[in-house]
Amino acid sequence: MKSLTIIIALLLMPSITLAVDSSGNYAVWGIGKKSCFGYNKAMTEEGNEKYKHYIKGFLTAYNIFTEKTFSITGRMKEAEVLEWLTEYCEENPMFGLENALVSFTFDHYDKRMKTSGSGAGR
C-alpha cells in the first residue's frame, strides 16, 4: 500500500521522474531504513550527526534530480526541517525515515525554490 501511495503521488507531479521498479519499489540505503521512532530517539541523544548527514544527502539528491528545483526546503533553515521531520515522526513512529523525507518533499513541493536567484545559500 505504501508503494502504491508513493506511485500515485509521483504520477500527479509531472516534473518528477518516476524512478522505481515495475512493482513501485526502490532500494533504501543506510539510515533511511530506520524507523521514525528510532530517528526521534536518536535526535534526543548525542551522535545524531549520521541522521543529519543522511537527511542533507537525501534533500541534495532531490534537488539535483527534480526539474525546476533549486531547493525543496524553500527558505527553511536546517532546524526547521528537522522540526518538521520530528513532528511527522511523532505522528508516524512506525514509518521509515525515508517515508518521512518523501512526505516532506510532497508537502513542500509547491513552496520549493525553483532558481538560485532567490539568495539561498544552503
PDB file of N, CA and C in Angstrom:
ATOM      1  N   MET A   1       0.832  -1.190   0.000  1.00  0.00           N
ATOM      2  CA  MET A   1       0.000   0.000   0.000  1.00  0.00           C
ATOM      3  C   MET A   1       0.872   1.247   0.000  1.00  0.00           C
ATOM      4  N   LYS A   2       1.948   1.221   0.780  1.00  0.00           N
ATOM      5  CA  LYS A   2       2.861   2.359   0.851  1.00  0.00           C
ATOM      6  C   LYS A   2       3.399   2.686  -0.537  1.00  0.00           C
ATOM      7  N   SER A   3       3.812   1.678  -1.256  1.00  0.00           N
ATOM      8  CA  SER A   3       4.376   1.887  -2.589  1.00  0.00           C
ATOM      9  C   SER A   3       3.329   2.455  -3.543  1.00  0.00           C
ATOM     10  N   LEU A   4       2.110   1.992  -3.451  1.00  0.00           N
ATOM     11  CA  LEU A   4       1.041   2.486  -4.311  1.00  0.00           C
ATOM     12  C   LEU A   4       0.792   3.969  -4.052  1.00  0.00           C
ATOM     13  N   THR A   5       0.784   4.383  -2.800  1.00  0.00           N
ATOM     14  CA  THR A   5       0.590   5.786  -2.449  1.00  0.00           C
ATOM     15  C   THR A   5       1.699   6.649  -3.027  1.00  0.00           C
ATOM     16  N   ILE A   6       2.922   6.183  -2.922  1.00  0.00           N
ATOM     17  CA  ILE A   6       4.058   6.930  -3.451  1.00  0.00           C
ATOM     18  C   ILE A   6       3.960   7.043  -4.965  1.00  0.00           C
ATOM     19  N   ILE A   7       3.600   5.960  -5.630  1.00  0.00           N
ATOM     20  CA  ILE A   7       3.490   5.973  -7.088  1.00  0.00           C
ATOM     21  C   ILE A   7       2.404   6.951  -7.536  1.00  0.00           C
ATOM     22  N   ILE A   8       1.265   6.918  -6.893  1.00  0.00           N
ATOM     23  CA  ILE A   8       0.174   7.819  -7.265  1.00  0.00           C
ATOM     24  C   ILE A   8       0.605   9.272  -7.068  1.00  0.00           C
ATOM     25  N   ALA A   9       1.245   9.563  -5.949  1.00  0.00           N
ATOM     26  CA  ALA A   9       1.704  10.932  -5.698  1.00  0.00           C
ATOM     27  C   ALA A   9       2.728  11.360  -6.736  1.00  0.00           C
ATOM     28  N   LEU A  10       3.626  10.469  -7.098  1.00  0.00           N
ATOM     29  CA  LEU A  10       4.637  10.799  -8.095  1.00  0.00           C
ATOM     30  C   LEU A  10       4.014  11.028  -9.466  1.00  0.00           C
ATOM     31  N   LEU A  11       3.004  10.267  -9.791  1.00  0.00           N
ATOM     32  CA  LEU A  11       2.343  10.438 -11.078  1.00  0.00           C
ATOM     33  C   LEU A  11       1.612  11.769 -11.173  1.00  0.00           C
ATOM     34  N   LEU A  12       1.180  12.295 -10.041  1.00  0.00           N
ATOM     35  CA  LEU A  12       0.482  13.572 -10.020  1.00  0.00           C
ATOM     36  C   LEU A  12       1.433  14.753 -10.134  1.00  0.00           C
ATOM     37  N   MET A  13       2.732  14.525  -9.977  1.00  0.00           N
ATOM     38  CA  MET A  13       3.738  15.571 -10.112  1.00  0.00           C
ATOM     39  C   MET A  13       4.505  15.326 -11.400  1.00  0.00           C
ATOM     40  N   PRO A  14       4.119  15.959 -12.487  1.00  0.00           N
ATOM     41  CA  PRO A  14       4.702  15.656 -13.791  1.00  0.00           C
ATOM     42  C   PRO A  14       6.180  15.977 -13.930  1.00  0.00           C
ATOM     43  N   SER A  15       6.744  16.833 -13.100  1.00  0.00           N
ATOM     44  CA  SER A  15       8.146  17.200 -13.273  1.00  0.00           C
ATOM     45  C   SER A  15       9.089  16.326 -12.448  1.00  0.00           C
ATOM     46  N   ILE A  16       8.581  15.272 -11.850  1.00  0.00           N
ATOM     47  CA  ILE A  16       9.419  14.335 -11.122  1.00  0.00           C
ATOM     48  C   ILE A  16       9.500  13.049 -11.942  1.00  0.00           C
ATOM     49  N   THR A  17      10.698  12.563 -12.157  1.00  0.00           N
ATOM     50  CA  THR A  17      10.880  11.333 -12.906  1.00  0.00           C
ATOM     51  C   THR A  17      10.573  10.144 -12.011  1.00  0.00           C
ATOM     52  N   LEU A  18       9.758   9.232 -12.494  1.00  0.00           N
ATOM     53  CA  LEU A  18       9.426   8.039 -11.745  1.00  0.00           C
ATOM     54  C   LEU A  18      10.601   7.083 -11.803  1.00  0.00           C
ATOM     55  N   ALA A  19      11.237   6.859 -10.675  1.00  0.00           N
ATOM     56  CA  ALA A  19      12.449   6.037 -10.641  1.00  0.00           C
ATOM     57  C   ALA A  19      12.258   4.880  -9.670  1.00  0.00           C
ATOM     58  N   VAL A  20      11.368   3.986 -10.025  1.00  0.00           N
ATOM     59  CA  VAL A  20      11.086   2.813  -9.206  1.00  0.00           C
ATOM     60  C   VAL A  20      11.050   1.599 -10.125  1.00  0.00           C
ATOM     61  N   ASP A  21      11.013   0.409  -9.536  1.00  0.00           N
ATOM     62  CA  ASP A  21      10.915  -0.781 -10.386  1.00  0.00           C
ATOM     63  C   ASP A  21       9.470  -0.978 -10.844  1.00  0.00           C
ATOM     64  N   SER A  22       9.218  -2.023 -11.594  1.00  0.00           N
ATOM     65  CA  SER A  22       7.889  -2.248 -12.166  1.00  0.00           C
ATOM     66  C   SER A  22       6.820  -2.499 -11.107  1.00  0.00           C
ATOM     67  N   SER A  23       7.238  -2.827  -9.880  1.00  0.00           N
ATOM     68  CA  SER A  23       6.288  -3.029  -8.782  1.00  0.00           C
ATOM     69  C   SER A  23       6.129  -1.790  -7.915  1.00  0.00           C
ATOM     70  N   GLY A  24       6.847  -0.723  -8.263  1.00  0.00           N
ATOM     71  CA  GLY A  24       6.745   0.509  -7.485  1.00  0.00           C
ATOM     72  C   GLY A  24       7.685   0.579  -6.301  1.00  0.00           C
ATOM     73  N   ASN A  25       8.656  -0.309  -6.259  1.00  0.00           N
ATOM     74  CA  ASN A  25       9.590  -0.336  -5.132  1.00  0.00           C
ATOM     75  C   ASN A  25      10.940   0.235  -5.533  1.00  0.00           C
ATOM     76  N   TYR A  26      11.712   0.622  -4.549  1.00  0.00           N
ATOM     77  CA  TYR A  26      13.067   1.097  -4.759  1.00  0.00           C
ATOM     78  C   TYR A  26      13.889   0.784  -3.521  1.00  0.00           C
ATOM     79  N   ALA A  27      15.193   0.708  -3.695  1.00  0.00           N
ATOM     80  CA  ALA A  27      16.082   0.376  -2.588  1.00  0.00           C
ATOM     81  C   ALA A  27      16.309   1.599  -1.708  1.00  0.00           C
ATOM     82  N   VAL A  28      16.290   1.388  -0.422  1.00  0.00           N
ATOM     83  CA  VAL A  28      16.599   2.435   0.542  1.00  0.00           C
ATOM     84  C   VAL A  28      17.890   2.020   1.234  1.00  0.00           C
ATOM     85  N   TRP A  29      18.866   2.883   1.180  1.00  0.00           N
ATOM     86  CA  TRP A  29      20.172   2.582   1.749  1.00  0.00           C
ATOM     87  C   TRP A  29      20.359   3.277   3.086  1.00  0.00           C
ATOM     88  N   GLY A  30      21.210   2.681   3.884  1.00  0.00           N
ATOM     89  CA  GLY A  30      21.669   3.322   5.119  1.00  0.00           C
ATOM     90  C   GLY A  30      20.590   3.576   6.142  1.00  0.00           C
ATOM     91  N   ILE A  31      20.753   4.674   6.805  1.00  0.00           N
ATOM     92  CA  ILE A  31      19.922   5.013   7.958  1.00  0.00           C
ATOM     93  C   ILE A  31      18.483   5.354   7.571  1.00  0.00           C
ATOM     94  N   GLY A  32      18.244   5.556   6.286  1.00  0.00           N
ATOM     95  CA  GLY A  32      16.888   5.802   5.817  1.00  0.00           C
ATOM     96  C   GLY A  32      15.952   4.643   6.091  1.00  0.00           C
ATOM     97  N   LYS A  33      16.518   3.452   6.317  1.00  0.00           N
ATOM     98  CA  LYS A  33      15.711   2.271   6.650  1.00  0.00           C
ATOM     99  C   LYS A  33      15.208   2.301   8.088  1.00  0.00           C
ATOM    100  N   LYS A  34      15.831   3.129   8.912  1.00  0.00           N
ATOM    101  CA  LYS A  34      15.451   3.181  10.333  1.00  0.00           C
ATOM    102  C   LYS A  34      14.047   3.760  10.484  1.00  0.00           C
ATOM    103  N   SER A  35      13.396   3.389  11.572  1.00  0.00           N
ATOM    104  CA  SER A  35      12.038   3.869  11.823  1.00  0.00           C
ATOM    105  C   SER A  35      12.042   5.321  12.303  1.00  0.00           C
ATOM    106  N   CYS A  36      10.897   5.950  12.159  1.00  0.00           N
ATOM    107  CA  CYS A  36      10.722   7.296  12.695  1.00  0.00           C
ATOM    108  C   CYS A  36      10.926   7.301  14.206  1.00  0.00           C
ATOM    109  N   PHE A  37      10.496   6.242  14.860  1.00  0.00           N
ATOM    110  CA  PHE A  37      10.705   6.135  16.302  1.00  0.00           C
ATOM    111  C   PHE A  37      12.197   6.188  16.610  1.00  0.00           C
ATOM    112  N   GLY A  38      12.985   5.428  15.852  1.00  0.00           N
ATOM    113  CA  GLY A  38      14.435   5.427  16.041  1.00  0.00           C
ATOM    114  C   GLY A  38      15.048   6.781  15.745  1.00  0.00           C
ATOM    115  N   TYR A  39      14.531   7.445  14.713  1.00  0.00           N
ATOM    116  CA  TYR A  39      15.012   8.788  14.375  1.00  0.00           C
ATOM    117  C   TYR A  39      14.776   9.746  15.534  1.00  0.00           C
ATOM    118  N   ASN A  40      13.542   9.792  16.042  1.00  0.00           N
ATOM    119  CA  ASN A  40      13.236  10.722  17.136  1.00  0.00           C
ATOM    120  C   ASN A  40      14.054  10.415  18.377  1.00  0.00           C
ATOM    121  N   LYS A  41      14.250   9.140  18.655  1.00  0.00           N
ATOM    122  CA  LYS A  41      15.066   8.769  19.818  1.00  0.00           C
ATOM    123  C   LYS A  41      16.509   9.239  19.616  1.00  0.00           C
ATOM    124  N   ALA A  42      17.042   9.014  18.441  1.00  0.00           N
ATOM    125  CA  ALA A  42      18.426   9.404  18.162  1.00  0.00           C
ATOM    126  C   ALA A  42      18.610  10.916  18.201  1.00  0.00           C
ATOM    127  N   MET A  43      17.611  11.655  17.796  1.00  0.00           N
ATOM    128  CA  MET A  43      17.744  13.110  17.766  1.00  0.00           C
ATOM    129  C   MET A  43      17.769  13.720  19.157  1.00  0.00           C
ATOM    130  N   THR A  44      17.388  12.962  20.175  1.00  0.00           N
ATOM    131  CA  THR A  44      17.459  13.454  21.546  1.00  0.00           C
ATOM    132  C   THR A  44      18.790  13.090  22.200  1.00  0.00           C
ATOM    133  N   GLU A  45      19.606  12.327  21.498  1.00  0.00           N
ATOM    134  CA  GLU A  45      20.880  11.866  22.033  1.00  0.00           C
ATOM    135  C   GLU A  45      22.032  12.473  21.252  1.00  0.00           C
ATOM    136  N   GLU A  46      23.217  12.373  21.803  1.00  0.00           N
ATOM    137  CA  GLU A  46      24.405  12.771  21.048  1.00  0.00           C
ATOM    138  C   GLU A  46      24.668  11.715  19.985  1.00  0.00           C
ATOM    139  N   GLY A  47      25.407  12.087  18.983  1.00  0.00           N
ATOM    140  CA  GLY A  47      25.720  11.135  17.920  1.00  0.00           C
ATOM    141  C   GLY A  47      24.664  11.069  16.852  1.00  0.00           C
ATOM    142  N   ASN A  48      23.833  12.100  16.765  1.00  0.00           N
ATOM    143  CA  ASN A  48      22.768  12.107  15.763  1.00  0.00           C
ATOM    144  C   ASN A  48      23.227  12.692  14.434  1.00  0.00           C
ATOM    145  N   GLU A  49      24.495  12.974  14.299  1.00  0.00           N
ATOM    146  CA  GLU A  49      25.019  13.572  13.060  1.00  0.00           C
ATOM    147  C   GLU A  49      24.780  12.681  11.846  1.00  0.00           C
ATOM    148  N   LYS A  50      24.814  11.369  12.041  1.00  0.00           N
ATOM    149  CA  LYS A  50      24.607  10.482  10.889  1.00  0.00           C
ATOM    150  C   LYS A  50      23.215  10.672  10.295  1.00  0.00           C
ATOM    151  N   TYR A  51      22.230  10.957  11.134  1.00  0.00           N
ATOM    152  CA  TYR A  51      20.886  11.241  10.632  1.00  0.00           C
ATOM    153  C   TYR A  51      20.877  12.558   9.856  1.00  0.00           C
ATOM    154  N   LYS A  52      21.522  13.567  10.414  1.00  0.00           N
ATOM    155  CA  LYS A  52      21.565  14.868   9.742  1.00  0.00           C
ATOM    156  C   LYS A  52      22.269  14.760   8.397  1.00  0.00           C
ATOM    157  N   HIS A  53      23.348  13.998   8.335  1.00  0.00           N
ATOM    158  CA  HIS A  53      24.066  13.828   7.071  1.00  0.00           C
ATOM    159  C   HIS A  53      23.192  13.102   6.048  1.00  0.00           C
ATOM    160  N   TYR A  54      22.477  12.086   6.496  1.00  0.00           N
ATOM    161  CA  TYR A  54      21.591  11.350   5.586  1.00  0.00           C
ATOM    162  C   TYR A  54      20.509  12.287   5.039  1.00  0.00           C
ATOM    163  N   ILE A  55      19.894  13.058   5.911  1.00  0.00           N
ATOM    164  CA  ILE A  55      18.827  13.981   5.520  1.00  0.00           C
ATOM    165  C   ILE A  55      19.353  14.997   4.507  1.00  0.00           C
ATOM    166  N   LYS A  56      20.518  15.558   4.783  1.00  0.00           N
ATOM    167  CA  LYS A  56      21.102  16.540   3.861  1.00  0.00           C
ATOM    168  C   LYS A  56      21.412  15.893   2.506  1.00  0.00           C
ATOM    169  N   GLY A  57      21.906  14.685   2.522  1.00  0.00           N
ATOM    170  CA  GLY A  57      22.189  13.976   1.276  1.00  0.00           C
ATOM    171  C   GLY A  57      20.922  13.679   0.494  1.00  0.00           C
ATOM    172  N   PHE A  58      19.881  13.250   1.187  1.00  0.00           N
ATOM    173  CA  PHE A  58      18.601  12.967   0.534  1.00  0.00           C
ATOM    174  C   PHE A  58      18.059  14.224  -0.127  1.00  0.00           C
ATOM    175  N   LEU A  59      18.043  15.331   0.613  1.00  0.00           N
ATOM    176  CA  LEU A  59      17.489  16.573   0.090  1.00  0.00           C
ATOM    177  C   LEU A  59      18.334  17.127  -1.057  1.00  0.00           C
ATOM    178  N   THR A  60      19.645  16.973  -0.962  1.00  0.00           N
ATOM    179  CA  THR A  60      20.517  17.407  -2.048  1.00  0.00           C
ATOM    180  C   THR A  60      20.236  16.590  -3.309  1.00  0.00           C
ATOM    181  N   ALA A  61      20.124  15.280  -3.161  1.00  0.00           N
ATOM    182  CA  ALA A  61      19.821  14.430  -4.314  1.00  0.00           C
ATOM    183  C   ALA A  61      18.467  14.806  -4.910  1.00  0.00           C
ATOM    184  N   TYR A  62      17.506  15.083  -4.067  1.00  0.00           N
ATOM    185  CA  TYR A  62      16.193  15.505  -4.552  1.00  0.00           C
ATOM    186  C   TYR A  62      16.330  16.777  -5.388  1.00  0.00           C
ATOM    187  N   ASN A  63      17.094  17.743  -4.881  1.00  0.00           N
ATOM    188  CA  ASN A  63      17.297  18.999  -5.613  1.00  0.00           C
ATOM    189  C   ASN A  63      17.956  18.751  -6.963  1.00  0.00           C
ATOM    190  N   ILE A  64      18.904  17.841  -7.006  1.00  0.00           N
ATOM    191  CA  ILE A  64      19.632  17.547  -8.240  1.00  0.00           C
ATOM    192  C   ILE A  64      18.721  16.898  -9.278  1.00  0.00           C
ATOM    193  N   PHE A  65      17.893  15.979  -8.860  1.00  0.00           N
ATOM    194  CA  PHE A  65      17.142  15.154  -9.804  1.00  0.00           C
ATOM    195  C   PHE A  65      15.702  15.596 -10.045  1.00  0.00           C
ATOM    196  N   THR A  66      15.275  16.696  -9.447  1.00  0.00           N
ATOM    197  CA  THR A  66      13.910  17.171  -9.664  1.00  0.00           C
ATOM    198  C   THR A  66      13.958  18.440 -10.502  1.00  0.00           C
ATOM    199  N   GLU A  67      13.263  18.412 -11.609  1.00  0.00           N
ATOM    200  CA  GLU A  67      13.241  19.565 -12.507  1.00  0.00           C
ATOM    201  C   GLU A  67      12.730  20.808 -11.801  1.00  0.00           C
ATOM    202  N   LYS A  68      13.269  21.939 -12.237  1.00  0.00           N
ATOM    203  CA  LYS A  68      12.840  23.241 -11.743  1.00  0.00           C
ATOM    204  C   LYS A  68      12.876  23.324 -10.219  1.00  0.00           C
ATOM    205  N   THR A  69      13.906  22.725  -9.637  1.00  0.00           N
ATOM    206  CA  THR A  69      14.051  22.753  -8.183  1.00  0.00           C
ATOM    207  C   THR A  69      15.481  23.123  -7.830  1.00  0.00           C
ATOM    208  N   PHE A  70      15.630  24.268  -7.188  1.00  0.00           N
ATOM    209  CA  PHE A  70      16.915  24.654  -6.615  1.00  0.00           C
ATOM    210  C   PHE A  70      17.002  24.109  -5.189  1.00  0.00           C
ATOM    211  N   SER A  71      15.920  24.318  -4.412  1.00  0.00           N
ATOM    212  CA  SER A  71      15.903  23.841  -3.024  1.00  0.00           C
ATOM    213  C   SER A  71      14.496  23.452  -2.620  1.00  0.00           C
ATOM    214  N   ILE A  72      14.293  22.183  -2.345  1.00  0.00           N
ATOM    215  CA  ILE A  72      12.986  21.694  -1.900  1.00  0.00           C
ATOM    216  C   ILE A  72      12.601  22.287  -0.545  1.00  0.00           C
ATOM    217  N   THR A  73      13.582  22.713   0.222  1.00  0.00           N
ATOM    218  CA  THR A  73      13.298  23.265   1.550  1.00  0.00           C
ATOM    219  C   THR A  73      12.849  24.720   1.498  1.00  0.00           C
ATOM    220  N   GLY A  74      12.881  25.315   0.310  1.00  0.00           N
ATOM    221  CA  GLY A  74      12.484  26.720   0.206  1.00  0.00           C
ATOM    222  C   GLY A  74      13.402  27.577   1.050  1.00  0.00           C
ATOM    223  N   ARG A  75      12.841  28.345   1.913  1.00  0.00           N
ATOM    224  CA  ARG A  75      13.629  29.218   2.787  1.00  0.00           C
ATOM    225  C   ARG A  75      13.797  28.645   4.192  1.00  0.00           C
ATOM    226  N   MET A  76      13.404  27.405   4.375  1.00  0.00           N
ATOM    227  CA  MET A  76      13.517  26.781   5.700  1.00  0.00           C
ATOM    228  C   MET A  76      14.981  26.594   6.088  1.00  0.00           C
ATOM    229  N   LYS A  77      15.268  26.785   7.340  1.00  0.00           N
ATOM    230  CA  LYS A  77      16.590  26.510   7.899  1.00  0.00           C
ATOM    231  C   LYS A  77      16.644  25.037   8.289  1.00  0.00           C
ATOM    232  N   GLU A  78      17.856  24.543   8.505  1.00  0.00           N
ATOM    233  CA  GLU A  78      18.028  23.138   8.878  1.00  0.00           C
ATOM    234  C   GLU A  78      17.191  22.774  10.101  1.00  0.00           C
ATOM    235  N   ALA A  79      17.195  23.618  11.111  1.00  0.00           N
ATOM    236  CA  ALA A  79      16.440  23.332  12.339  1.00  0.00           C
ATOM    237  C   ALA A  79      14.941  23.192  12.054  1.00  0.00           C
ATOM    238  N   GLU A  80      14.428  23.974  11.118  1.00  0.00           N
ATOM    239  CA  GLU A  80      13.008  23.893  10.778  1.00  0.00           C
ATOM    240  C   GLU A  80      12.687  22.588  10.053  1.00  0.00           C
ATOM    241  N   VAL A  81      13.584  22.153   9.194  1.00  0.00           N
ATOM    242  CA  VAL A  81      13.390  20.873   8.508  1.00  0.00           C
ATOM    243  C   VAL A  81      13.386  19.743   9.532  1.00  0.00           C
ATOM    244  N   LEU A  82      14.354  19.767  10.443  1.00  0.00           N
ATOM    245  CA  LEU A  82      14.427  18.724  11.467  1.00  0.00           C
ATOM    246  C   LEU A  82      13.196  18.738  12.365  1.00  0.00           C
ATOM    247  N   GLU A  83      12.683  19.927  12.672  1.00  0.00           N
ATOM    248  CA  GLU A  83      11.461  20.035  13.474  1.00  0.00           C
ATOM    249  C   GLU A  83      10.274  19.423  12.736  1.00  0.00           C
ATOM    250  N   TRP A  84      10.168  19.694  11.430  1.00  0.00           N
ATOM    251  CA  TRP A  84       9.089  19.121  10.630  1.00  0.00           C
ATOM    252  C   TRP A  84       9.175  17.598  10.668  1.00  0.00           C
ATOM    253  N   LEU A  85      10.387  17.070  10.465  1.00  0.00           N
ATOM    254  CA  LEU A  85      10.580  15.617  10.471  1.00  0.00           C
ATOM    255  C   LEU A  85      10.250  15.024  11.833  1.00  0.00           C
ATOM    256  N   THR A  86      10.648  15.695  12.896  1.00  0.00           N
ATOM    257  CA  THR A  86      10.357  15.212  14.246  1.00  0.00           C
ATOM    258  C   THR A  86       8.854  15.129  14.472  1.00  0.00           C
ATOM    259  N   GLU A  87       8.135  16.166  14.079  1.00  0.00           N
ATOM    260  CA  GLU A  87       6.677  16.164  14.241  1.00  0.00           C
ATOM    261  C   GLU A  87       6.033  15.059  13.414  1.00  0.00           C
ATOM    262  N   TYR A  88       6.483  14.914  12.180  1.00  0.00           N
ATOM    263  CA  TYR A  88       5.963  13.853  11.323  1.00  0.00           C
ATOM    264  C   TYR A  88       6.208  12.491  11.964  1.00  0.00           C
ATOM    265  N   CYS A  89       7.413  12.310  12.459  1.00  0.00           N
ATOM    266  CA  CYS A  89       7.776  11.017  13.042  1.00  0.00           C
ATOM    267  C   CYS A  89       7.065  10.745  14.359  1.00  0.00           C
ATOM    268  N   GLU A  90       6.725  11.785  15.106  1.00  0.00           N
ATOM    269  CA  GLU A  90       5.926  11.586  16.317  1.00  0.00           C
ATOM    270  C   GLU A  90       4.547  11.048  15.963  1.00  0.00           C
ATOM    271  N   GLU A  91       4.009  11.510  14.844  1.00  0.00           N
ATOM    272  CA  GLU A  91       2.689  11.061  14.396  1.00  0.00           C
ATOM    273  C   GLU A  91       2.732   9.705  13.694  1.00  0.00           C
ATOM    274  N   ASN A  92       3.913   9.319  13.192  1.00  0.00           N
ATOM    275  CA  ASN A  92       4.058   8.088  12.397  1.00  0.00           C
ATOM    276  C   ASN A  92       5.297   7.306  12.831  1.00  0.00           C
ATOM    277  N   PRO A  93       5.353   6.856  14.078  1.00  0.00           N
ATOM    278  CA  PRO A  93       6.584   6.246  14.592  1.00  0.00           C
ATOM    279  C   PRO A  93       7.009   4.957  13.890  1.00  0.00           C
ATOM    280  N   MET A  94       6.095   4.265  13.255  1.00  0.00           N
ATOM    281  CA  MET A  94       6.444   3.004  12.597  1.00  0.00           C
ATOM    282  C   MET A  94       6.907   3.195  11.159  1.00  0.00           C
ATOM    283  N   PHE A  95       6.718   4.375  10.608  1.00  0.00           N
ATOM    284  CA  PHE A  95       7.190   4.656   9.253  1.00  0.00           C
ATOM    285  C   PHE A  95       8.703   4.775   9.261  1.00  0.00           C
ATOM    286  N   GLY A  96       9.311   4.567   8.110  1.00  0.00           N
ATOM    287  CA  GLY A  96      10.745   4.741   7.989  1.00  0.00           C
ATOM    288  C   GLY A  96      11.113   6.207   7.811  1.00  0.00           C
ATOM    289  N   LEU A  97      12.341   6.548   8.136  1.00  0.00           N
ATOM    290  CA  LEU A  97      12.827   7.911   7.939  1.00  0.00           C
ATOM    291  C   LEU A  97      12.684   8.305   6.474  1.00  0.00           C
ATOM    292  N   GLU A  98      12.943   7.383   5.576  1.00  0.00           N
ATOM    293  CA  GLU A  98      12.806   7.648   4.145  1.00  0.00           C
ATOM    294  C   GLU A  98      11.376   8.064   3.811  1.00  0.00           C
ATOM    295  N   ASN A  99      10.375   7.430   4.433  1.00  0.00           N
ATOM    296  CA  ASN A  99       8.976   7.824   4.216  1.00  0.00           C
ATOM    297  C   ASN A  99       8.734   9.251   4.679  1.00  0.00           C
ATOM    298  N   ALA A 100       9.335   9.607   5.801  1.00  0.00           N
ATOM    299  CA  ALA A 100       9.191  10.969   6.320  1.00  0.00           C
ATOM    300  C   ALA A 100       9.779  11.972   5.329  1.00  0.00           C
ATOM    301  N   LEU A 101      10.930  11.650   4.770  1.00  0.00           N
ATOM    302  CA  LEU A 101      11.571  12.552   3.819  1.00  0.00           C
ATOM    303  C   LEU A 101      10.777  12.670   2.518  1.00  0.00           C
ATOM    304  N   VAL A 102      10.234  11.570   2.041  1.00  0.00           N
ATOM    305  CA  VAL A 102       9.390  11.621   0.841  1.00  0.00           C
ATOM    306  C   VAL A 102       8.159  12.469   1.128  1.00  0.00           C
ATOM    307  N   SER A 103       7.560  12.291   2.289  1.00  0.00           N
ATOM    308  CA  SER A 103       6.394  13.102   2.659  1.00  0.00           C
ATOM    309  C   SER A 103       6.763  14.580   2.743  1.00  0.00           C
ATOM    310  N   PHE A 104       7.954  14.867   3.260  1.00  0.00           N
ATOM    311  CA  PHE A 104       8.426  16.245   3.318  1.00  0.00           C
ATOM    312  C   PHE A 104       8.478  16.842   1.908  1.00  0.00           C
ATOM    313  N   THR A 105       9.025  16.085   0.954  1.00  0.00           N
ATOM    314  CA  THR A 105       9.142  16.615  -0.405  1.00  0.00           C
ATOM    315  C   THR A 105       7.766  16.844  -1.032  1.00  0.00           C
ATOM    316  N   PHE A 106       6.816  15.964  -0.775  1.00  0.00           N
ATOM    317  CA  PHE A 106       5.458  16.158  -1.302  1.00  0.00           C
ATOM    318  C   PHE A 106       4.819  17.392  -0.673  1.00  0.00           C
ATOM    319  N   ASP A 107       5.008  17.545   0.631  1.00  0.00           N
ATOM    320  CA  ASP A 107       4.401  18.645   1.368  1.00  0.00           C
ATOM    321  C   ASP A 107       4.991  20.001   0.964  1.00  0.00           C
ATOM    322  N   HIS A 108       6.249  20.017   0.577  1.00  0.00           N
ATOM    323  CA  HIS A 108       6.939  21.276   0.294  1.00  0.00           C
ATOM    324  C   HIS A 108       7.179  21.547  -1.191  1.00  0.00           C
ATOM    325  N   TYR A 109       6.706  20.690  -2.044  1.00  0.00           N
ATOM    326  CA  TYR A 109       6.963  20.833  -3.474  1.00  0.00           C
ATOM    327  C   TYR A 109       6.512  22.195  -4.012  1.00  0.00           C
ATOM    328  N   ASP A 110       5.323  22.609  -3.678  1.00  0.00           N
ATOM    329  CA  ASP A 110       4.799  23.883  -4.185  1.00  0.00           C
ATOM    330  C   ASP A 110       5.503  25.095  -3.577  1.00  0.00           C
ATOM    331  N   LYS A 111       6.189  24.895  -2.451  1.00  0.00           N
ATOM    332  CA  LYS A 111       6.884  26.001  -1.768  1.00  0.00           C
ATOM    333  C   LYS A 111       8.383  26.005  -2.055  1.00  0.00           C
ATOM    334  N   ARG A 112       8.840  25.120  -2.932  1.00  0.00           N
ATOM    335  CA  ARG A 112      10.272  24.993  -3.193  1.00  0.00           C
ATOM    336  C   ARG A 112      10.813  26.236  -3.888  1.00  0.00           C
ATOM    337  N   MET A 113      12.118  26.420  -3.798  1.00  0.00           N
ATOM    338  CA  MET A 113      12.791  27.468  -4.561  1.00  0.00           C
ATOM    339  C   MET A 113      13.136  26.872  -5.922  1.00  0.00           C
ATOM    340  N   LYS A 114      12.701  27.527  -6.969  1.00  0.00           N
ATOM    341  CA  LYS A 114      12.910  26.990  -8.316  1.00  0.00           C
ATOM    342  C   LYS A 114      14.229  27.420  -8.941  1.00  0.00           C
ATOM    343  N   THR A 115      14.782  28.538  -8.468  1.00  0.00           N
ATOM    344  CA  THR A 115      16.062  29.029  -9.010  1.00  0.00           C
ATOM    345  C   THR A 115      16.961  29.488  -7.866  1.00  0.00           C
ATOM    346  N   SER A 116      18.227  29.606  -8.173  1.00  0.00           N
ATOM    347  CA  SER A 116      19.187  30.056  -7.162  1.00  0.00           C
ATOM    348  C   SER A 116      19.160  31.565  -6.987  1.00  0.00           C
ATOM    349  N   GLY A 117      18.465  32.266  -7.844  1.00  0.00           N
ATOM    350  CA  GLY A 117      18.432  33.722  -7.799  1.00  0.00           C
ATOM    351  C   GLY A 117      17.767  34.297  -6.575  1.00  0.00           C
ATOM    352  N   SER A 118      17.175  33.471  -5.742  1.00  0.00           N
ATOM    353  CA  SER A 118      16.479  33.987  -4.566  1.00  0.00           C
ATOM    354  C   SER A 118      17.386  34.117  -3.355  1.00  0.00           C
ATOM    355  N   GLY A 119      18.692  33.975  -3.552  1.00  0.00           N
ATOM    356  CA  GLY A 119      19.640  34.244  -2.478  1.00  0.00           C
ATOM    357  C   GLY A 119      19.802  33.147  -1.461  1.00  0.00           C
ATOM    358  N   ALA A 120      19.387  31.936  -1.750  1.00  0.00           N
ATOM    359  CA  ALA A 120      19.547  30.856  -0.783  1.00  0.00           C
ATOM    360  C   ALA A 120      20.960  30.332  -0.835  1.00  0.00           C
ATOM    361  N   GLY A 121      21.571  30.165   0.307  1.00  0.00           N
ATOM    362  CA  GLY A 121      22.927  29.662   0.360  1.00  0.00           C
ATOM    363  C   GLY A 121      23.045  28.404   1.177  1.00  0.00           C
ATOM    364  N   ARG A 122      22.203  27.435   0.956  1.00  0.00           N
ATOM    365  CA  ARG A 122      22.254  26.184   1.717  1.00  0.00           C
ATOM    366  C   ARG A 122      23.289  25.281   1.135  1.00  0.00           C
TER     367      ARG A 122
END
